[in-house]
């Protein structure tokens, strides 16, 4: 029997959305490849899943380092021969305190684009042979409604909360559409998902209205397990389209 496989980027926190997605997909029978820049942290989370009988492996992956992408692709190739799901979950630190594009830290913008857009783009290119080798692969880009400040043309005047983050996630959504069109003649579906406001950083003072990571993860898992006639090139929250 062929093992279903999923690779998730940026999984280093027990309370994070990435780990919640990993657990839920592992419970559905996927072998989860947990990746992060810090291999030790990813390995500790993979071990947690292994201890309860769930299949998981930890690998080091830095979305700004193409050599680590190549090493991950090589490992998956000789271990499994294919990749069923790619979840781009990694995210650069969010510039919450900045409220205008005029005040944006361009170094922060550059870093966000590297981690949230260019890195996932190159990772898809690197893993594409493995995604094509799967019967019907899924690519899920974890995005944010912050992008709608740009794409939906909301009337915010001069305000643009978290401009580096918002611009990067807007660009990620555009990349999602472009990749979906490029892969339209394949069974591969590509979508962006906003996980919603999630309590992943209690030390930062998450809002009382933020929901548990397990709840937010369900929308990502939905996109990762879409049927053959599922949507592609869209942006979703809890399985519903965002415009």
C-alpha atoms as a PDB file:
ATOM      1  CA  UNK A   1       0.000   0.000   0.000  1.00  0.00           C
ATOM      2  CA  UNK A   2       1.315   3.445  -0.964  1.00  0.00           C
ATOM      3  CA  UNK A   3       1.926   5.750   1.977  1.00  0.00           C
ATOM      4  CA  UNK A   4       0.238   9.150   1.703  1.00  0.00           C
ATOM      5  CA  UNK A   5       2.716  11.891   2.515  1.00  0.00           C
ATOM      6  CA  UNK A   6       2.501  15.545   3.514  1.00  0.00           C
ATOM      7  CA  UNK A   7       5.258  18.105   4.032  1.00  0.00           C
ATOM      8  CA  UNK A   8       4.538  21.096   6.266  1.00  0.00           C
ATOM      9  CA  UNK A   9       6.900  24.054   6.536  1.00  0.00           C
ATOM     10  CA  UNK A  10       7.512  26.204   9.593  1.00  0.00           C
ATOM     11  CA  UNK A  11       6.482  23.696  12.272  1.00  0.00           C
ATOM     12  CA  UNK A  12       8.350  24.514  15.470  1.00  0.00           C
ATOM     13  CA  UNK A  13       5.726  25.382  18.118  1.00  0.00           C
ATOM     14  CA  UNK A  14       3.526  22.913  20.034  1.00  0.00           C
ATOM     15  CA  UNK A  15       0.696  25.486  19.970  1.00  0.00           C
ATOM     16  CA  UNK A  16       1.212  26.440  16.327  1.00  0.00           C
ATOM     17  CA  UNK A  17      -1.186  25.912  13.455  1.00  0.00           C
ATOM     18  CA  UNK A  18       1.424  23.861  11.582  1.00  0.00           C
ATOM     19  CA  UNK A  19       1.627  21.266  14.333  1.00  0.00           C
ATOM     20  CA  UNK A  20      -2.167  21.119  14.640  1.00  0.00           C
ATOM     21  CA  UNK A  21      -2.377  20.484  10.884  1.00  0.00           C
ATOM     22  CA  UNK A  22       0.326  17.819  11.198  1.00  0.00           C
ATOM     23  CA  UNK A  23      -1.565  16.017  13.942  1.00  0.00           C
ATOM     24  CA  UNK A  24      -4.899  16.089  12.111  1.00  0.00           C
ATOM     25  CA  UNK A  25      -3.429  14.801   8.846  1.00  0.00           C
ATOM     26  CA  UNK A  26      -1.432  12.137  10.680  1.00  0.00           C
ATOM     27  CA  UNK A  27      -4.674  11.012  12.332  1.00  0.00           C
ATOM     28  CA  UNK A  28      -6.099  10.610   8.814  1.00  0.00           C
ATOM     29  CA  UNK A  29      -3.262   8.231   7.924  1.00  0.00           C
ATOM     30  CA  UNK A  30      -0.736  10.573   6.309  1.00  0.00           C
ATOM     31  CA  UNK A  31       2.957  10.302   7.075  1.00  0.00           C
ATOM     32  CA  UNK A  32       3.778  13.856   8.113  1.00  0.00           C
ATOM     33  CA  UNK A  33       7.126  15.415   7.267  1.00  0.00           C
ATOM     34  CA  UNK A  34       7.553  18.229   9.779  1.00  0.00           C
ATOM     35  CA  UNK A  35      10.081  20.863   8.745  1.00  0.00           C
ATOM     36  CA  UNK A  36      11.551  23.963  10.340  1.00  0.00           C
ATOM     37  CA  UNK A  37      14.762  25.955  10.333  1.00  0.00           C
ATOM     38  CA  UNK A  38      15.478  24.540  13.792  1.00  0.00           C
ATOM     39  CA  UNK A  39      15.661  20.774  13.303  1.00  0.00           C
ATOM     40  CA  UNK A  40      15.698  20.044  17.043  1.00  0.00           C
ATOM     41  CA  UNK A  41      12.351  21.770  17.567  1.00  0.00           C
ATOM     42  CA  UNK A  42      10.777  20.008  14.591  1.00  0.00           C
ATOM     43  CA  UNK A  43      12.169  16.682  15.783  1.00  0.00           C
ATOM     44  CA  UNK A  44      10.647  17.143  19.243  1.00  0.00           C
ATOM     45  CA  UNK A  45       7.215  17.619  17.656  1.00  0.00           C
ATOM     46  CA  UNK A  46       7.620  14.629  15.334  1.00  0.00           C
ATOM     47  CA  UNK A  47       8.559  12.558  18.386  1.00  0.00           C
ATOM     48  CA  UNK A  48       5.324  13.617  20.096  1.00  0.00           C
ATOM     49  CA  UNK A  49       3.342  12.200  17.187  1.00  0.00           C
ATOM     50  CA  UNK A  50       5.442   9.029  17.034  1.00  0.00           C
ATOM     51  CA  UNK A  51       4.780   8.376  20.725  1.00  0.00           C
ATOM     52  CA  UNK A  52       1.034   8.112  20.086  1.00  0.00           C
ATOM     53  CA  UNK A  53       1.484   5.882  17.059  1.00  0.00           C
ATOM     54  CA  UNK A  54       1.311   8.524  14.321  1.00  0.00           C
ATOM     55  CA  UNK A  55       3.751   8.594  11.410  1.00  0.00           C
ATOM     56  CA  UNK A  56       6.026  11.618  11.381  1.00  0.00           C
ATOM     57  CA  UNK A  57       9.541  12.595  10.339  1.00  0.00           C
ATOM     58  CA  UNK A  58      11.424  15.819  11.063  1.00  0.00           C
ATOM     59  CA  UNK A  59      13.705  17.519   8.540  1.00  0.00           C
ATOM     60  CA  UNK A  60      15.512  20.827   8.501  1.00  0.00           C
ATOM     61  CA  UNK A  61      14.170  23.250   5.900  1.00  0.00           C
ATOM     62  CA  UNK A  62      14.985  26.928   5.531  1.00  0.00           C
ATOM     63  CA  UNK A  63      12.925  28.669   2.856  1.00  0.00           C
ATOM     64  CA  UNK A  64      15.764  31.097   2.235  1.00  0.00           C
ATOM     65  CA  UNK A  65      18.262  28.266   1.635  1.00  0.00           C
ATOM     66  CA  UNK A  66      17.787  26.321  -1.632  1.00  0.00           C
ATOM     67  CA  UNK A  67      20.290  23.674  -0.508  1.00  0.00           C
ATOM     68  CA  UNK A  68      17.962  22.596   2.308  1.00  0.00           C
ATOM     69  CA  UNK A  69      15.073  22.371  -0.185  1.00  0.00           C
ATOM     70  CA  UNK A  70      17.137  20.072  -2.410  1.00  0.00           C
ATOM     71  CA  UNK A  71      18.086  17.902   0.573  1.00  0.00           C
ATOM     72  CA  UNK A  72      14.437  17.576   1.622  1.00  0.00           C
ATOM     73  CA  UNK A  73      13.404  16.646  -1.926  1.00  0.00           C
ATOM     74  CA  UNK A  74      16.129  14.012  -2.059  1.00  0.00           C
ATOM     75  CA  UNK A  75      15.027  12.531   1.265  1.00  0.00           C
ATOM     76  CA  UNK A  76      11.382  12.334   0.194  1.00  0.00           C
ATOM     77  CA  UNK A  77      12.384  10.894  -3.153  1.00  0.00           C
ATOM     78  CA  UNK A  78      14.275   7.936  -1.783  1.00  0.00           C
ATOM     79  CA  UNK A  79      11.982   7.432   1.221  1.00  0.00           C
ATOM     80  CA  UNK A  80       8.577   7.691  -0.464  1.00  0.00           C
ATOM     81  CA  UNK A  81       8.977   8.487  -4.172  1.00  0.00           C
ATOM     82  CA  UNK A  82       6.159  11.040  -4.148  1.00  0.00           C
ATOM     83  CA  UNK A  83       4.535  13.857  -2.161  1.00  0.00           C
ATOM     84  CA  UNK A  84       0.748  14.036  -1.802  1.00  0.00           C
ATOM     85  CA  UNK A  85       0.427  17.354   0.025  1.00  0.00           C
ATOM     86  CA  UNK A  86       2.597  20.434   0.469  1.00  0.00           C
ATOM     87  CA  UNK A  87       1.491  22.898   3.162  1.00  0.00           C
ATOM     88  CA  UNK A  88       3.400  26.191   3.081  1.00  0.00           C
ATOM     89  CA  UNK A  89       2.849  27.217   6.673  1.00  0.00           C
ATOM     90  CA  UNK A  90       6.068  29.120   7.442  1.00  0.00           C
ATOM     91  CA  UNK A  91       5.644  32.834   8.066  1.00  0.00           C
ATOM     92  CA  UNK A  92       8.010  35.690   8.771  1.00  0.00           C
ATOM     93  CA  UNK A  93       7.462  37.699  11.982  1.00  0.00           C
ATOM     94  CA  UNK A  94       4.499  40.037  11.540  1.00  0.00           C
ATOM     95  CA  UNK A  95       5.092  43.802  11.682  1.00  0.00           C
ATOM     96  CA  UNK A  96       1.926  44.481  13.706  1.00  0.00           C
ATOM     97  CA  UNK A  97       3.095  47.849  15.028  1.00  0.00           C
ATOM     98  CA  UNK A  98       3.450  49.447  11.588  1.00  0.00           C
ATOM     99  CA  UNK A  99       0.298  51.109  10.259  1.00  0.00           C
ATOM    100  CA  UNK A 100       1.345  52.680   6.967  1.00  0.00           C
ATOM    101  CA  UNK A 101       3.240  51.678   3.837  1.00  0.00           C
ATOM    102  CA  UNK A 102       5.112  54.953   4.241  1.00  0.00           C
ATOM    103  CA  UNK A 103       6.529  53.702   7.549  1.00  0.00           C
ATOM    104  CA  UNK A 104       7.267  50.160   6.410  1.00  0.00           C
ATOM    105  CA  UNK A 105      10.675  48.730   7.222  1.00  0.00           C
ATOM    106  CA  UNK A 106      11.908  47.678   3.776  1.00  0.00           C
ATOM    107  CA  UNK A 107      14.208  45.083   5.314  1.00  0.00           C
ATOM    108  CA  UNK A 108      11.123  43.551   6.950  1.00  0.00           C
ATOM    109  CA  UNK A 109       9.293  43.629   3.612  1.00  0.00           C
ATOM    110  CA  UNK A 110      12.219  41.938   1.894  1.00  0.00           C
ATOM    111  CA  UNK A 111      12.413  39.267   4.597  1.00  0.00           C
ATOM    112  CA  UNK A 112       8.644  38.624   4.430  1.00  0.00           C
ATOM    113  CA  UNK A 113       8.769  38.226   0.661  1.00  0.00           C
ATOM    114  CA  UNK A 114      11.689  35.810   0.947  1.00  0.00           C
ATOM    115  CA  UNK A 115       9.950  33.602   3.524  1.00  0.00           C
ATOM    116  CA  UNK A 116       6.293  33.922   2.512  1.00  0.00           C
ATOM    117  CA  UNK A 117       6.519  34.154  -1.289  1.00  0.00           C
ATOM    118  CA  UNK A 118       9.853  33.442  -2.933  1.00  0.00           C
ATOM    119  CA  UNK A 119      10.689  30.538  -0.637  1.00  0.00           C
ATOM    120  CA  UNK A 120       7.357  28.736  -1.188  1.00  0.00           C
ATOM    121  CA  UNK A 121       7.639  29.435  -4.924  1.00  0.00           C
ATOM    122  CA  UNK A 122      11.074  27.833  -5.160  1.00  0.00           C
ATOM    123  CA  UNK A 123       9.982  24.971  -2.901  1.00  0.00           C
ATOM    124  CA  UNK A 124       7.133  24.140  -5.274  1.00  0.00           C
ATOM    125  CA  UNK A 125       9.607  24.119  -8.165  1.00  0.00           C
ATOM    126  CA  UNK A 126      11.952  21.847  -6.232  1.00  0.00           C
ATOM    127  CA  UNK A 127       9.244  19.416  -5.140  1.00  0.00           C
ATOM    128  CA  UNK A 128       7.229  19.453  -8.365  1.00  0.00           C
ATOM    129  CA  UNK A 129       8.501  16.077  -9.665  1.00  0.00           C
ATOM    130  CA  UNK A 130       7.408  14.484  -6.372  1.00  0.00           C
ATOM    131  CA  UNK A 131       4.032  16.257  -6.465  1.00  0.00           C
ATOM    132  CA  UNK A 132       3.511  15.101 -10.045  1.00  0.00           C
ATOM    133  CA  UNK A 133       4.374  11.551  -8.983  1.00  0.00           C
ATOM    134  CA  UNK A 134       1.427  11.521  -6.549  1.00  0.00           C
ATOM    135  CA  UNK A 135      -2.024  10.534  -7.865  1.00  0.00           C
ATOM    136  CA  UNK A 136      -3.550  13.949  -7.106  1.00  0.00           C
ATOM    137  CA  UNK A 137      -1.385  16.273  -5.058  1.00  0.00           C
ATOM    138  CA  UNK A 138      -2.554  19.328  -3.143  1.00  0.00           C
ATOM    139  CA  UNK A 139      -0.639  22.550  -2.426  1.00  0.00           C
ATOM    140  CA  UNK A 140      -1.943  24.720   0.417  1.00  0.00           C
ATOM    141  CA  UNK A 141      -0.513  28.168   1.090  1.00  0.00           C
ATOM    142  CA  UNK A 142      -1.320  29.472   4.563  1.00  0.00           C
ATOM    143  CA  UNK A 143      -2.172  33.122   3.999  1.00  0.00           C
ATOM    144  CA  UNK A 144      -3.963  35.902   5.885  1.00  0.00           C
ATOM    145  CA  UNK A 145      -6.956  38.190   5.510  1.00  0.00           C
ATOM    146  CA  UNK A 146      -4.443  41.002   5.937  1.00  0.00           C
ATOM    147  CA  UNK A 147      -3.914  40.568   2.196  1.00  0.00           C
ATOM    148  CA  UNK A 148      -7.435  41.865   1.580  1.00  0.00           C
ATOM    149  CA  UNK A 149      -6.302  45.317   2.647  1.00  0.00           C
ATOM    150  CA  UNK A 150      -4.593  45.387  -0.756  1.00  0.00           C
ATOM    151  CA  UNK A 151      -6.457  42.984  -3.019  1.00  0.00           C
ATOM    152  CA  UNK A 152     -10.000  43.938  -1.975  1.00  0.00           C
ATOM    153  CA  UNK A 153      -9.284  47.661  -2.177  1.00  0.00           C
ATOM    154  CA  UNK A 154     -10.665  48.330   1.282  1.00  0.00           C
ATOM    155  CA  UNK A 155     -11.031  52.047   1.969  1.00  0.00           C
ATOM    156  CA  UNK A 156      -8.513  52.436   4.778  1.00  0.00           C
ATOM    157  CA  UNK A 157      -7.138  55.794   3.742  1.00  0.00           C
ATOM    158  CA  UNK A 158      -3.405  55.930   4.430  1.00  0.00           C
ATOM    159  CA  UNK A 159      -3.600  53.017   6.857  1.00  0.00           C
ATOM    160  CA  UNK A 160      -2.091  49.630   6.023  1.00  0.00           C
ATOM    161  CA  UNK A 161      -1.698  47.490   9.127  1.00  0.00           C
ATOM    162  CA  UNK A 162       1.387  45.255   9.055  1.00  0.00           C
ATOM    163  CA  UNK A 163       2.429  46.344   5.544  1.00  0.00           C
ATOM    164  CA  UNK A 164       5.276  43.826   5.141  1.00  0.00           C
ATOM    165  CA  UNK A 165       3.056  40.924   6.200  1.00  0.00           C
ATOM    166  CA  UNK A 166       0.044  42.150   4.222  1.00  0.00           C
ATOM    167  CA  UNK A 167       2.000  42.736   1.026  1.00  0.00           C
ATOM    168  CA  UNK A 168       3.712  39.342   1.304  1.00  0.00           C
ATOM    169  CA  UNK A 169       0.429  37.485   1.873  1.00  0.00           C
ATOM    170  CA  UNK A 170      -1.207  39.387  -1.000  1.00  0.00           C
ATOM    171  CA  UNK A 171       1.702  38.285  -3.190  1.00  0.00           C
ATOM    172  CA  UNK A 172       1.341  34.716  -1.908  1.00  0.00           C
ATOM    173  CA  UNK A 173      -2.322  34.715  -2.954  1.00  0.00           C
ATOM    174  CA  UNK A 174      -1.319  35.945  -6.421  1.00  0.00           C
ATOM    175  CA  UNK A 175       1.281  33.165  -6.574  1.00  0.00           C
ATOM    176  CA  UNK A 176      -1.451  30.677  -5.653  1.00  0.00           C
ATOM    177  CA  UNK A 177      -3.550  31.803  -8.627  1.00  0.00           C
ATOM    178  CA  UNK A 178      -0.553  31.698 -10.977  1.00  0.00           C
ATOM    179  CA  UNK A 179       0.470  28.193  -9.867  1.00  0.00           C
ATOM    180  CA  UNK A 180      -3.115  26.939 -10.146  1.00  0.00           C
ATOM    181  CA  UNK A 181      -3.265  28.141 -13.756  1.00  0.00           C
ATOM    182  CA  UNK A 182       0.142  26.649 -14.545  1.00  0.00           C
ATOM    183  CA  UNK A 183      -0.980  23.275 -13.144  1.00  0.00           C
ATOM    184  CA  UNK A 184      -4.484  23.367 -14.623  1.00  0.00           C
ATOM    185  CA  UNK A 185      -3.721  20.400 -16.890  1.00  0.00           C
ATOM    186  CA  UNK A 186      -2.739  18.226 -13.910  1.00  0.00           C
ATOM    187  CA  UNK A 187      -4.683  16.747 -10.971  1.00  0.00           C
ATOM    188  CA  UNK A 188      -2.790  19.104  -8.617  1.00  0.00           C
ATOM    189  CA  UNK A 189      -4.976  21.665  -6.822  1.00  0.00           C
ATOM    190  CA  UNK A 190      -3.470  24.842  -5.347  1.00  0.00           C
ATOM    191  CA  UNK A 191      -5.263  27.051  -2.828  1.00  0.00           C
ATOM    192  CA  UNK A 192      -4.612  29.685  -0.168  1.00  0.00           C
ATOM    193  CA  UNK A 193      -6.178  29.445   3.278  1.00  0.00           C
ATOM    194  CA  UNK A 194      -6.625  32.042   6.006  1.00  0.00           C
ATOM    195  CA  UNK A 195      -6.577  30.093   9.275  1.00  0.00           C
ATOM    196  CA  UNK A 196      -8.343  32.888  11.136  1.00  0.00           C
ATOM    197  CA  UNK A 197      -7.394  34.551  14.416  1.00  0.00           C
ATOM    198  CA  UNK A 198      -5.648  31.823  16.397  1.00  0.00           C
ATOM    199  CA  UNK A 199      -4.256  31.555  19.918  1.00  0.00           C
ATOM    200  CA  UNK A 200      -0.750  30.377  19.086  1.00  0.00           C
ATOM    201  CA  UNK A 201       1.281  32.863  21.155  1.00  0.00           C
ATOM    202  CA  UNK A 202      -0.132  33.196  24.698  1.00  0.00           C
ATOM    203  CA  UNK A 203       3.092  34.883  25.748  1.00  0.00           C
ATOM    204  CA  UNK A 204       2.288  37.655  23.266  1.00  0.00           C
ATOM    205  CA  UNK A 205      -1.158  38.232  24.708  1.00  0.00           C
ATOM    206  CA  UNK A 206      -3.513  36.619  22.211  1.00  0.00           C
ATOM    207  CA  UNK A 207      -7.034  38.051  22.168  1.00  0.00           C
ATOM    208  CA  UNK A 208      -9.687  36.209  24.159  1.00  0.00           C
ATOM    209  CA  UNK A 209     -11.620  35.752  20.915  1.00  0.00           C
ATOM    210  CA  UNK A 210      -8.753  33.889  19.231  1.00  0.00           C
ATOM    211  CA  UNK A 211      -9.619  30.261  18.629  1.00  0.00           C
ATOM    212  CA  UNK A 212      -7.513  27.172  19.364  1.00  0.00           C
ATOM    213  CA  UNK A 213      -5.034  26.084  16.706  1.00  0.00           C
ATOM    214  CA  UNK A 214      -6.927  22.805  16.265  1.00  0.00           C
ATOM    215  CA  UNK A 215      -9.984  24.757  15.074  1.00  0.00           C
ATOM    216  CA  UNK A 216      -7.979  26.879  12.647  1.00  0.00           C
ATOM    217  CA  UNK A 217      -6.141  23.834  11.309  1.00  0.00           C
ATOM    218  CA  UNK A 218      -9.363  22.306   9.993  1.00  0.00           C
ATOM    219  CA  UNK A 219      -9.568  24.805   7.128  1.00  0.00           C
ATOM    220  CA  UNK A 220      -6.021  23.949   6.079  1.00  0.00           C
ATOM    221  CA  UNK A 221      -6.748  20.216   6.315  1.00  0.00           C
ATOM    222  CA  UNK A 222      -9.890  20.752   4.225  1.00  0.00           C
ATOM    223  CA  UNK A 223      -7.801  22.276   1.419  1.00  0.00           C
ATOM    224  CA  UNK A 224      -5.162  19.553   1.779  1.00  0.00           C
ATOM    225  CA  UNK A 225      -7.722  16.783   1.283  1.00  0.00           C
ATOM    226  CA  UNK A 226      -9.971  18.246  -1.424  1.00  0.00           C
ATOM    227  CA  UNK A 227     -11.618  15.791  -3.827  1.00  0.00           C
ATOM    228  CA  UNK A 228     -10.726  15.742  -7.515  1.00  0.00           C
ATOM    229  CA  UNK A 229     -13.501  18.203  -8.362  1.00  0.00           C
ATOM    230  CA  UNK A 230     -12.451  20.637  -5.627  1.00  0.00           C
ATOM    231  CA  UNK A 231     -11.597  24.284  -6.260  1.00  0.00           C
ATOM    232  CA  UNK A 232      -8.171  25.548  -7.271  1.00  0.00           C
ATOM    233  CA  UNK A 233      -6.617  29.002  -7.286  1.00  0.00           C
ATOM    234  CA  UNK A 234      -8.876  30.277  -4.504  1.00  0.00           C
ATOM    235  CA  UNK A 235      -8.538  31.918  -1.093  1.00  0.00           C
ATOM    236  CA  UNK A 236     -10.592  30.345   1.698  1.00  0.00           C
ATOM    237  CA  UNK A 237     -11.489  30.598   5.371  1.00  0.00           C
ATOM    238  CA  UNK A 238     -13.086  27.506   6.929  1.00  0.00           C
ATOM    239  CA  UNK A 239     -13.834  26.166   3.463  1.00  0.00           C
ATOM    240  CA  UNK A 240     -15.615  29.337   2.341  1.00  0.00           C
ATOM    241  CA  UNK A 241     -14.172  31.663  -0.321  1.00  0.00           C
ATOM    242  CA  UNK A 242     -12.771  35.060   0.631  1.00  0.00           C
ATOM    243  CA  UNK A 243     -12.924  37.800  -1.970  1.00  0.00           C
END
